[in-house]
């Protein structure tokens, strides 16, 4: 189960993720991001309450990063130790801006 909380401030969009980002929930996040990303210059994923991320979830973040490379910047913030470890093992810590 994944809950997505979006907060828009001008050209900044913050997406809060709560729960599990896996094969089942990744398409939901991908759809929500695609619908909301037009005109966004700063995209922030707040993953403080993200319990787990699978390769499908990583793919959605990578896809969002590619779009934001063209139209602004993207950061991922408040990652738990478990999620940070997944980013490091997969090499995503070198691709994503994690704060």
N, C-alpha and C. Protein backbone atom coordinates (compact mmCIF):
# COMPACT_ATOMS: atom_id res chain seq x y z
N UNK A 1 0.84 -1.19 0.00
CA UNK A 1 0.00 0.00 0.00
C UNK A 1 0.88 1.25 0.00
N UNK A 2 0.51 2.23 -0.82
CA UNK A 2 1.27 3.46 -0.91
C UNK A 2 0.29 4.63 -0.89
N UNK A 3 0.56 5.58 -0.01
CA UNK A 3 -0.18 6.84 -0.02
C UNK A 3 0.73 7.91 -0.59
N UNK A 4 0.17 8.75 -1.45
CA UNK A 4 0.94 9.81 -2.11
C UNK A 4 0.32 11.14 -1.73
N UNK A 5 1.14 12.02 -1.15
CA UNK A 5 0.67 13.36 -0.79
C UNK A 5 1.43 14.37 -1.63
N UNK A 6 0.70 15.11 -2.46
CA UNK A 6 1.34 16.11 -3.32
C UNK A 6 1.04 17.50 -2.79
N UNK A 7 2.09 18.34 -2.78
CA UNK A 7 1.93 19.72 -2.36
C UNK A 7 2.64 20.61 -3.37
N UNK A 8 1.88 21.51 -3.98
CA UNK A 8 2.41 22.38 -5.02
C UNK A 8 2.60 23.79 -4.48
N UNK A 9 3.78 24.36 -4.73
CA UNK A 9 4.06 25.76 -4.37
C UNK A 9 4.73 26.42 -5.57
N UNK A 10 3.96 27.12 -6.37
CA UNK A 10 4.50 27.73 -7.59
C UNK A 10 5.02 26.66 -8.52
N UNK A 11 6.33 26.72 -8.83
CA UNK A 11 6.92 25.73 -9.74
C UNK A 11 7.58 24.58 -8.98
N UNK A 12 7.35 24.52 -7.66
CA UNK A 12 7.91 23.44 -6.84
C UNK A 12 6.80 22.45 -6.49
N UNK A 13 7.10 21.17 -6.67
CA UNK A 13 6.16 20.11 -6.31
C UNK A 13 6.84 19.17 -5.32
N UNK A 14 6.21 19.00 -4.17
CA UNK A 14 6.71 18.05 -3.18
C UNK A 14 5.78 16.85 -3.17
N UNK A 15 6.37 15.67 -3.31
CA UNK A 15 5.61 14.42 -3.32
C UNK A 15 6.03 13.61 -2.10
N UNK A 16 5.11 13.45 -1.15
CA UNK A 16 5.38 12.65 0.03
C UNK A 16 4.91 11.22 -0.21
N UNK A 17 5.78 10.26 0.09
CA UNK A 17 5.45 8.85 -0.12
C UNK A 17 5.35 8.15 1.24
N UNK A 18 4.23 7.47 1.46
CA UNK A 18 3.99 6.79 2.72
C UNK A 18 3.64 5.33 2.43
N UNK A 19 4.45 4.41 2.96
CA UNK A 19 4.16 2.99 2.76
C UNK A 19 5.22 2.30 1.95
N UNK A 20 4.79 1.49 0.98
CA UNK A 20 5.68 0.67 0.18
C UNK A 20 5.60 1.05 -1.31
N UNK A 21 6.76 1.28 -1.90
CA UNK A 21 6.82 1.57 -3.33
C UNK A 21 7.40 0.32 -4.00
N UNK A 22 6.49 -0.48 -4.57
CA UNK A 22 6.90 -1.76 -5.15
C UNK A 22 6.19 -1.98 -6.49
N UNK A 23 6.25 -3.19 -6.99
CA UNK A 23 5.67 -3.52 -8.29
C UNK A 23 4.19 -3.17 -8.36
N UNK A 24 3.50 -3.33 -7.26
CA UNK A 24 2.06 -3.07 -7.22
C UNK A 24 1.74 -1.58 -7.22
N UNK A 25 2.55 -0.79 -6.50
CA UNK A 25 2.22 0.63 -6.30
C UNK A 25 2.98 1.57 -7.23
N UNK A 26 4.07 1.11 -7.85
CA UNK A 26 4.87 1.97 -8.74
C UNK A 26 4.06 2.58 -9.89
N UNK A 27 3.17 1.81 -10.56
CA UNK A 27 2.39 2.42 -11.65
C UNK A 27 1.51 3.58 -11.18
N UNK A 28 0.99 3.48 -9.96
CA UNK A 28 0.18 4.57 -9.39
C UNK A 28 1.03 5.84 -9.23
N UNK A 29 2.24 5.71 -8.68
CA UNK A 29 3.12 6.86 -8.50
C UNK A 29 3.52 7.43 -9.86
N UNK A 30 3.86 6.55 -10.79
CA UNK A 30 4.28 7.00 -12.12
C UNK A 30 3.18 7.85 -12.78
N UNK A 31 1.95 7.39 -12.67
CA UNK A 31 0.81 8.10 -13.25
C UNK A 31 0.62 9.47 -12.58
N UNK A 32 0.68 9.49 -11.26
CA UNK A 32 0.48 10.75 -10.52
C UNK A 32 1.57 11.76 -10.84
N UNK A 33 2.82 11.29 -10.95
CA UNK A 33 3.93 12.19 -11.26
C UNK A 33 3.79 12.74 -12.67
N UNK A 34 3.46 11.86 -13.63
CA UNK A 34 3.30 12.31 -15.02
C UNK A 34 2.22 13.37 -15.15
N UNK A 35 1.13 13.21 -14.41
CA UNK A 35 0.03 14.17 -14.47
C UNK A 35 0.41 15.52 -13.85
N UNK A 36 1.30 15.50 -12.86
CA UNK A 36 1.58 16.72 -12.09
C UNK A 36 2.87 17.43 -12.49
N UNK A 37 3.70 16.82 -13.34
CA UNK A 37 5.07 17.31 -13.54
C UNK A 37 5.19 18.47 -14.55
N UNK A 38 4.17 18.68 -15.36
CA UNK A 38 4.24 19.78 -16.34
C UNK A 38 4.43 21.11 -15.64
N UNK A 39 5.45 21.86 -16.09
CA UNK A 39 5.70 23.19 -15.53
C UNK A 39 6.43 23.18 -14.21
N UNK A 40 6.74 22.02 -13.69
CA UNK A 40 7.46 21.92 -12.42
C UNK A 40 8.95 22.11 -12.68
N UNK A 41 9.57 23.01 -11.91
CA UNK A 41 11.01 23.24 -12.05
C UNK A 41 11.80 22.62 -10.91
N UNK A 42 11.11 22.33 -9.81
CA UNK A 42 11.76 21.68 -8.67
C UNK A 42 10.83 20.58 -8.15
N UNK A 43 11.32 19.35 -8.22
CA UNK A 43 10.54 18.20 -7.76
C UNK A 43 11.24 17.62 -6.54
N UNK A 44 10.51 17.47 -5.44
CA UNK A 44 11.07 16.92 -4.21
C UNK A 44 10.27 15.69 -3.82
N UNK A 45 10.96 14.57 -3.64
CA UNK A 45 10.34 13.38 -3.10
C UNK A 45 10.70 13.29 -1.62
N UNK A 46 9.70 13.45 -0.75
CA UNK A 46 9.91 13.31 0.69
C UNK A 46 9.57 11.87 1.05
N UNK A 47 10.59 11.08 1.37
CA UNK A 47 10.37 9.66 1.59
C UNK A 47 10.60 9.27 3.06
N UNK A 48 10.36 10.21 3.96
CA UNK A 48 10.54 9.95 5.39
C UNK A 48 9.70 8.75 5.85
N UNK A 49 8.52 8.58 5.27
CA UNK A 49 7.61 7.51 5.70
C UNK A 49 7.55 6.36 4.70
N UNK A 50 8.54 6.31 3.81
CA UNK A 50 8.62 5.20 2.86
C UNK A 50 9.31 4.02 3.54
N UNK A 51 8.61 2.89 3.63
CA UNK A 51 9.14 1.73 4.33
C UNK A 51 10.01 0.86 3.44
N UNK A 52 9.71 0.86 2.14
CA UNK A 52 10.38 -0.08 1.24
C UNK A 52 10.31 0.46 -0.18
N UNK A 53 11.36 0.22 -0.96
CA UNK A 53 11.34 0.57 -2.38
C UNK A 53 11.94 -0.59 -3.17
N UNK A 54 11.23 -1.02 -4.23
CA UNK A 54 11.70 -2.13 -5.07
C UNK A 54 12.32 -1.56 -6.34
N UNK A 55 12.76 -2.44 -7.21
CA UNK A 55 13.34 -1.99 -8.49
C UNK A 55 12.30 -1.24 -9.32
N UNK A 56 11.04 -1.62 -9.20
CA UNK A 56 9.98 -0.91 -9.93
C UNK A 56 9.86 0.53 -9.42
N UNK A 57 9.99 0.71 -8.13
CA UNK A 57 9.96 2.05 -7.55
C UNK A 57 11.17 2.87 -7.96
N UNK A 58 12.33 2.22 -7.99
CA UNK A 58 13.55 2.91 -8.43
C UNK A 58 13.40 3.38 -9.88
N UNK A 59 12.76 2.56 -10.69
CA UNK A 59 12.55 2.92 -12.10
C UNK A 59 11.70 4.19 -12.22
N UNK A 60 10.68 4.31 -11.38
CA UNK A 60 9.82 5.51 -11.41
C UNK A 60 10.64 6.74 -11.02
N UNK A 61 11.49 6.62 -10.00
CA UNK A 61 12.33 7.76 -9.59
C UNK A 61 13.31 8.12 -10.71
N UNK A 62 13.88 7.12 -11.37
CA UNK A 62 14.81 7.37 -12.47
C UNK A 62 14.12 8.08 -13.62
N UNK A 63 12.91 7.64 -13.93
CA UNK A 63 12.12 8.25 -15.00
C UNK A 63 11.83 9.72 -14.68
N UNK A 64 11.46 9.99 -13.43
CA UNK A 64 11.20 11.38 -13.01
C UNK A 64 12.48 12.20 -13.07
N UNK A 65 13.61 11.60 -12.70
CA UNK A 65 14.89 12.30 -12.75
C UNK A 65 15.24 12.70 -14.18
N UNK A 66 14.99 11.81 -15.13
CA UNK A 66 15.29 12.11 -16.53
C UNK A 66 14.47 13.30 -17.02
N UNK A 67 13.20 13.34 -16.64
CA UNK A 67 12.34 14.47 -17.03
C UNK A 67 12.84 15.75 -16.38
N UNK A 68 13.17 15.68 -15.09
CA UNK A 68 13.60 16.87 -14.36
C UNK A 68 14.97 17.35 -14.81
N UNK A 69 15.80 16.47 -15.36
CA UNK A 69 17.09 16.90 -15.91
C UNK A 69 16.88 17.92 -17.03
N UNK A 70 15.74 17.81 -17.72
CA UNK A 70 15.43 18.72 -18.82
C UNK A 70 14.73 20.00 -18.35
N UNK A 71 13.98 19.91 -17.26
CA UNK A 71 13.15 21.07 -16.91
C UNK A 71 13.42 21.66 -15.53
N UNK A 72 14.42 21.15 -14.83
CA UNK A 72 14.72 21.71 -13.51
C UNK A 72 15.58 20.77 -12.70
N UNK A 73 15.21 20.61 -11.41
CA UNK A 73 16.00 19.73 -10.57
C UNK A 73 15.09 18.86 -9.70
N UNK A 74 15.64 17.74 -9.27
CA UNK A 74 14.88 16.81 -8.43
C UNK A 74 15.74 16.40 -7.24
N UNK A 75 15.14 16.37 -6.07
CA UNK A 75 15.83 15.88 -4.89
C UNK A 75 14.98 14.85 -4.17
N UNK A 76 15.66 13.98 -3.46
CA UNK A 76 15.01 12.99 -2.62
C UNK A 76 15.46 13.29 -1.20
N UNK A 77 14.50 13.46 -0.28
CA UNK A 77 14.90 13.84 1.08
C UNK A 77 14.28 12.91 2.13
N UNK A 78 14.91 12.91 3.29
CA UNK A 78 14.44 12.19 4.49
C UNK A 78 14.38 10.67 4.32
N UNK A 79 15.34 10.10 3.60
CA UNK A 79 15.36 8.65 3.40
C UNK A 79 15.78 7.95 4.69
N UNK A 80 15.14 6.83 4.97
CA UNK A 80 15.51 6.01 6.12
C UNK A 80 16.83 5.30 5.81
N UNK A 81 17.44 4.73 6.84
CA UNK A 81 18.69 3.99 6.63
C UNK A 81 18.49 2.82 5.67
N UNK A 82 17.34 2.14 5.79
CA UNK A 82 17.06 0.99 4.94
C UNK A 82 16.97 1.40 3.46
N UNK A 83 16.24 2.49 3.21
CA UNK A 83 16.08 2.96 1.83
C UNK A 83 17.40 3.51 1.30
N UNK A 84 18.15 4.23 2.14
CA UNK A 84 19.46 4.74 1.73
C UNK A 84 20.38 3.58 1.32
N UNK A 85 20.30 2.49 2.06
CA UNK A 85 21.14 1.33 1.73
C UNK A 85 20.76 0.77 0.36
N UNK A 86 19.47 0.73 0.05
CA UNK A 86 19.02 0.27 -1.27
C UNK A 86 19.56 1.20 -2.36
N UNK A 87 19.51 2.52 -2.12
CA UNK A 87 20.05 3.49 -3.09
C UNK A 87 21.55 3.25 -3.30
N UNK A 88 22.28 2.97 -2.22
CA UNK A 88 23.73 2.78 -2.33
C UNK A 88 24.07 1.48 -3.05
N UNK A 89 23.39 0.39 -2.70
CA UNK A 89 23.67 -0.91 -3.31
C UNK A 89 23.37 -0.89 -4.81
N UNK A 90 22.32 -0.18 -5.20
CA UNK A 90 21.92 -0.15 -6.62
C UNK A 90 22.66 0.92 -7.43
N UNK A 91 23.42 1.78 -6.75
CA UNK A 91 24.12 2.86 -7.44
C UNK A 91 23.26 4.10 -7.64
N UNK A 92 22.03 4.08 -7.13
CA UNK A 92 21.13 5.23 -7.29
C UNK A 92 21.59 6.43 -6.47
N UNK A 93 22.43 6.18 -5.46
CA UNK A 93 22.94 7.29 -4.66
C UNK A 93 23.85 8.18 -5.52
N UNK A 94 24.37 7.63 -6.63
CA UNK A 94 25.20 8.43 -7.54
C UNK A 94 24.35 9.15 -8.59
N UNK A 95 23.15 8.66 -8.83
CA UNK A 95 22.27 9.22 -9.87
C UNK A 95 21.35 10.30 -9.30
N UNK A 96 20.80 10.02 -8.12
CA UNK A 96 19.82 10.93 -7.51
C UNK A 96 20.51 11.92 -6.56
N UNK A 97 19.89 13.07 -6.39
CA UNK A 97 20.35 14.03 -5.39
C UNK A 97 19.60 13.73 -4.10
N UNK A 98 20.32 13.16 -3.14
CA UNK A 98 19.70 12.74 -1.89
C UNK A 98 20.17 13.68 -0.78
N UNK A 99 19.21 14.30 -0.11
CA UNK A 99 19.54 15.24 0.97
C UNK A 99 18.93 14.80 2.27
